Amino acid sequence: MPPLKYLAAYPAHIQEQVRALIARDDLAGHLLRRYPERHAVRSDAALYDYVLDLKNRYLRTAPPLARVTYDSGLGLAARALGTHTTVSRVQGARLKSKREIRVASLFRDGPPEFLKMIVVHELAHLKVRDHDKSFYALCTHMEPRYHQYEFDLRLHLTCLDLSGGTA
């Protein structure tokens, strides 16, 4: 069996449980039972509203967002599921910066929990740049089940890998 690259940092007993699901050909079924629903945030405008709602609820003092979009260039091949960027432009004698969040298009049709996990992750980067203790504390403040959703998303990515990109 190939190595579980998305789960490499997890303990051996967890990886063995995942391997058992794979051996029974039940990884996709397990995820479908846990996350049967799909979210309704399909367009870039709906995604912007969704992200802005979360930002206003938890990060009112964070810098404003200029753009939020689904990006088909992100995903497993690009090794990024979401990005946050700051675009700086010179306007006259002043430097203007705009912040953008891009979410991989593979989340357009996924469970609402996975979308929220990615959005919370990218929003947390507005306040904390590194993946340190304070970053994850902020993530769990915005979504208390953040770590479970991240693990299950890693299971989903493993399932996508095993099926050749579709799950």
Protein backbone atom coordinates (compact mmCIF):
# COMPACT_ATOMS: atom_id res chain seq x y z
CA MET A 1 0.00 0.00 0.00
CA PRO A 2 1.37 3.47 -0.87
CA PRO A 3 2.33 5.85 1.94
CA LEU A 4 -0.42 8.11 3.27
CA LYS A 5 1.21 11.44 2.36
CA TYR A 6 -1.59 13.61 3.75
CA LEU A 7 -1.50 11.73 7.06
CA ALA A 8 2.26 11.29 7.47
CA ALA A 9 2.41 13.44 10.64
CA TYR A 10 -0.28 11.43 12.41
CA PRO A 11 0.53 8.57 14.82
CA ALA A 12 0.95 5.04 13.46
CA HIS A 13 -2.26 3.73 15.09
CA ILE A 14 -4.31 6.42 13.29
CA GLN A 15 -2.65 5.59 9.98
CA GLU A 16 -3.43 1.90 10.55
CA GLN A 17 -7.11 2.70 11.05
CA VAL A 18 -7.10 4.61 7.76
CA ARG A 19 -5.31 1.74 6.01
CA ALA A 20 -7.99 -0.64 7.33
CA LEU A 21 -10.70 1.61 5.82
CA ILE A 22 -8.81 1.61 2.52
CA ALA A 23 -8.37 -2.18 2.60
CA ARG A 24 -12.13 -2.60 3.14
CA ASP A 25 -12.71 -0.11 0.30
CA ASP A 26 -14.75 2.01 2.71
CA LEU A 27 -12.84 5.30 2.98
CA ALA A 28 -15.18 7.15 0.61
CA GLY A 29 -18.22 5.57 2.27
CA HIS A 30 -16.95 6.56 5.71
CA LEU A 31 -16.57 10.19 4.60
CA LEU A 32 -19.95 10.21 2.90
CA ARG A 33 -21.62 8.93 6.07
CA ARG A 34 -19.89 11.64 8.13
CA TYR A 35 -20.51 14.45 5.65
CA PRO A 36 -23.60 13.66 3.55
CA GLU A 37 -24.55 17.28 2.77
CA ARG A 38 -23.14 19.66 0.18
CA HIS A 39 -23.04 23.41 0.73
CA ALA A 40 -24.84 25.96 -1.43
CA VAL A 41 -21.90 28.41 -1.77
CA ARG A 42 -21.33 27.88 -5.51
CA SER A 43 -20.50 31.30 -6.96
CA ASP A 44 -17.67 33.71 -6.20
CA ALA A 45 -20.22 36.27 -4.98
CA ALA A 46 -21.75 33.76 -2.56
CA LEU A 47 -18.25 32.79 -1.38
CA TYR A 48 -17.38 36.44 -0.78
CA ASP A 49 -20.55 36.89 1.31
CA TYR A 50 -19.83 33.67 3.23
CA VAL A 51 -16.24 34.71 4.01
CA LEU A 52 -17.25 38.26 4.90
CA ASP A 53 -19.89 36.95 7.32
CA LEU A 54 -17.28 34.82 9.13
CA LYS A 55 -14.76 37.67 9.10
CA ASN A 56 -17.28 40.13 10.55
CA ARG A 57 -18.32 37.64 13.22
CA TYR A 58 -14.82 36.75 14.46
CA LEU A 59 -12.27 39.21 13.03
CA ARG A 60 -13.94 42.61 12.92
CA THR A 61 -10.66 44.48 13.37
CA ALA A 62 -8.81 42.53 10.66
CA PRO A 63 -7.97 44.35 7.43
CA PRO A 64 -10.75 44.38 4.81
CA LEU A 65 -10.87 41.85 1.99
CA ALA A 66 -10.90 43.13 -1.56
CA ARG A 67 -11.57 39.82 -3.28
CA VAL A 68 -12.61 36.25 -2.49
CA THR A 69 -12.86 33.69 -5.29
CA TYR A 70 -12.80 30.04 -6.16
CA ASP A 71 -9.59 29.30 -8.05
CA SER A 72 -9.32 26.38 -10.46
CA GLY A 73 -5.53 26.71 -10.40
CA LEU A 74 -5.41 25.59 -6.78
CA GLY A 75 -5.79 22.00 -5.65
CA LEU A 76 -3.84 18.81 -5.30
CA ALA A 77 -1.53 19.54 -8.25
CA ALA A 78 -0.74 23.05 -6.99
CA ARG A 79 -0.30 21.73 -3.43
CA ALA A 80 -2.49 24.52 -2.07
CA LEU A 81 -6.15 24.34 -1.09
CA GLY A 82 -6.49 28.01 -0.33
CA THR A 83 -4.32 31.10 -0.42
CA HIS A 84 -4.30 34.50 1.15
CA THR A 85 -2.38 37.24 -0.59
CA THR A 86 -1.71 40.90 -0.19
CA VAL A 87 -1.48 42.80 -3.45
CA SER A 88 0.29 46.14 -3.15
CA ARG A 89 -0.08 48.88 -5.74
CA VAL A 90 1.33 52.38 -5.96
CA GLN A 91 -1.40 55.00 -6.35
CA GLY A 92 0.18 58.39 -6.67
CA ALA A 93 2.40 58.94 -3.65
CA ARG A 94 0.69 56.25 -1.59
CA LEU A 95 1.02 52.50 -1.42
CA LYS A 96 -2.34 50.72 -1.35
CA SER A 97 -2.63 47.10 -0.34
CA LYS A 98 -5.55 44.80 -0.94
CA ARG A 99 -6.04 41.40 0.58
CA GLU A 100 -7.41 38.45 -1.36
CA ILE A 101 -8.47 34.94 -0.44
CA ARG A 102 -8.63 32.19 -3.04
CA VAL A 103 -10.21 28.80 -2.35
CA ALA A 104 -9.52 25.73 -4.49
CA SER A 105 -12.40 24.94 -6.83
CA LEU A 106 -12.59 21.39 -5.51
CA PHE A 107 -14.39 22.87 -2.47
CA ARG A 108 -17.18 24.28 -4.63
CA ASP A 109 -19.09 21.00 -4.37
CA GLY A 110 -17.87 19.72 -1.01
CA PRO A 111 -19.28 19.44 2.47
CA PRO A 112 -19.91 22.73 4.29
CA GLU A 113 -17.51 21.69 7.04
CA PHE A 114 -14.56 21.44 4.63
CA LEU A 115 -15.33 24.83 3.09
CA LYS A 116 -15.58 26.41 6.53
CA MET A 117 -12.29 24.81 7.61
CA ILE A 118 -10.44 26.23 4.58
CA VAL A 119 -12.03 29.68 4.96
CA VAL A 120 -11.27 29.78 8.70
CA HIS A 121 -7.67 28.80 7.95
CA GLU A 122 -7.23 31.57 5.39
CA LEU A 123 -9.00 34.15 7.56
CA ALA A 124 -6.70 33.30 10.47
CA HIS A 125 -3.78 34.29 8.25
CA LEU A 126 -5.13 37.85 8.23
CA LYS A 127 -4.07 38.05 11.89
CA VAL A 128 -1.32 35.41 12.24
CA ARG A 129 1.06 34.66 9.38
CA ASP A 130 2.75 31.50 10.66
CA HIS A 131 1.23 28.15 11.52
CA ASP A 132 1.99 28.40 15.20
CA LYS A 133 0.11 27.89 18.44
CA SER A 134 -1.68 31.26 18.27
CA PHE A 135 -2.71 30.56 14.66
CA TYR A 136 -4.40 27.28 15.57
CA ALA A 137 -5.93 28.86 18.68
CA LEU A 138 -7.55 31.45 16.41
CA CYS A 139 -8.75 28.71 14.04
CA THR A 140 -10.37 26.79 16.89
CA HIS A 141 -11.90 30.02 18.21
CA MET A 142 -13.66 30.49 14.85
CA GLU A 143 -14.46 26.77 14.43
CA PRO A 144 -14.20 24.59 17.57
CA ARG A 145 -14.05 21.38 15.48
CA TYR A 146 -11.29 22.76 13.23
CA HIS A 147 -8.81 19.95 13.93
CA GLN A 148 -11.38 17.21 13.27
CA TYR A 149 -12.39 18.85 10.00
CA GLU A 150 -8.75 19.21 9.00
CA PHE A 151 -8.15 15.51 9.67
CA ASP A 152 -11.27 14.51 7.74
CA LEU A 153 -10.22 16.77 4.88
CA ARG A 154 -6.90 14.93 4.82
CA LEU A 155 -8.89 11.69 4.59
CA HIS A 156 -10.81 13.20 1.68
CA LEU A 157 -7.59 14.18 -0.08
CA THR A 158 -6.27 10.65 0.46
CA CYS A 159 -9.47 9.32 -1.08
CA LEU A 160 -9.04 11.66 -4.06
CA ASP A 161 -5.47 10.45 -4.49
CA LEU A 162 -6.50 6.80 -4.42
CA SER A 163 -9.34 7.31 -6.90
CA GLY A 164 -7.28 9.35 -9.32
CA GLY A 165 -8.81 12.71 -8.52
CA THR A 166 -12.52 12.05 -8.06
CA ALA A 167 -14.39 11.13 -4.93
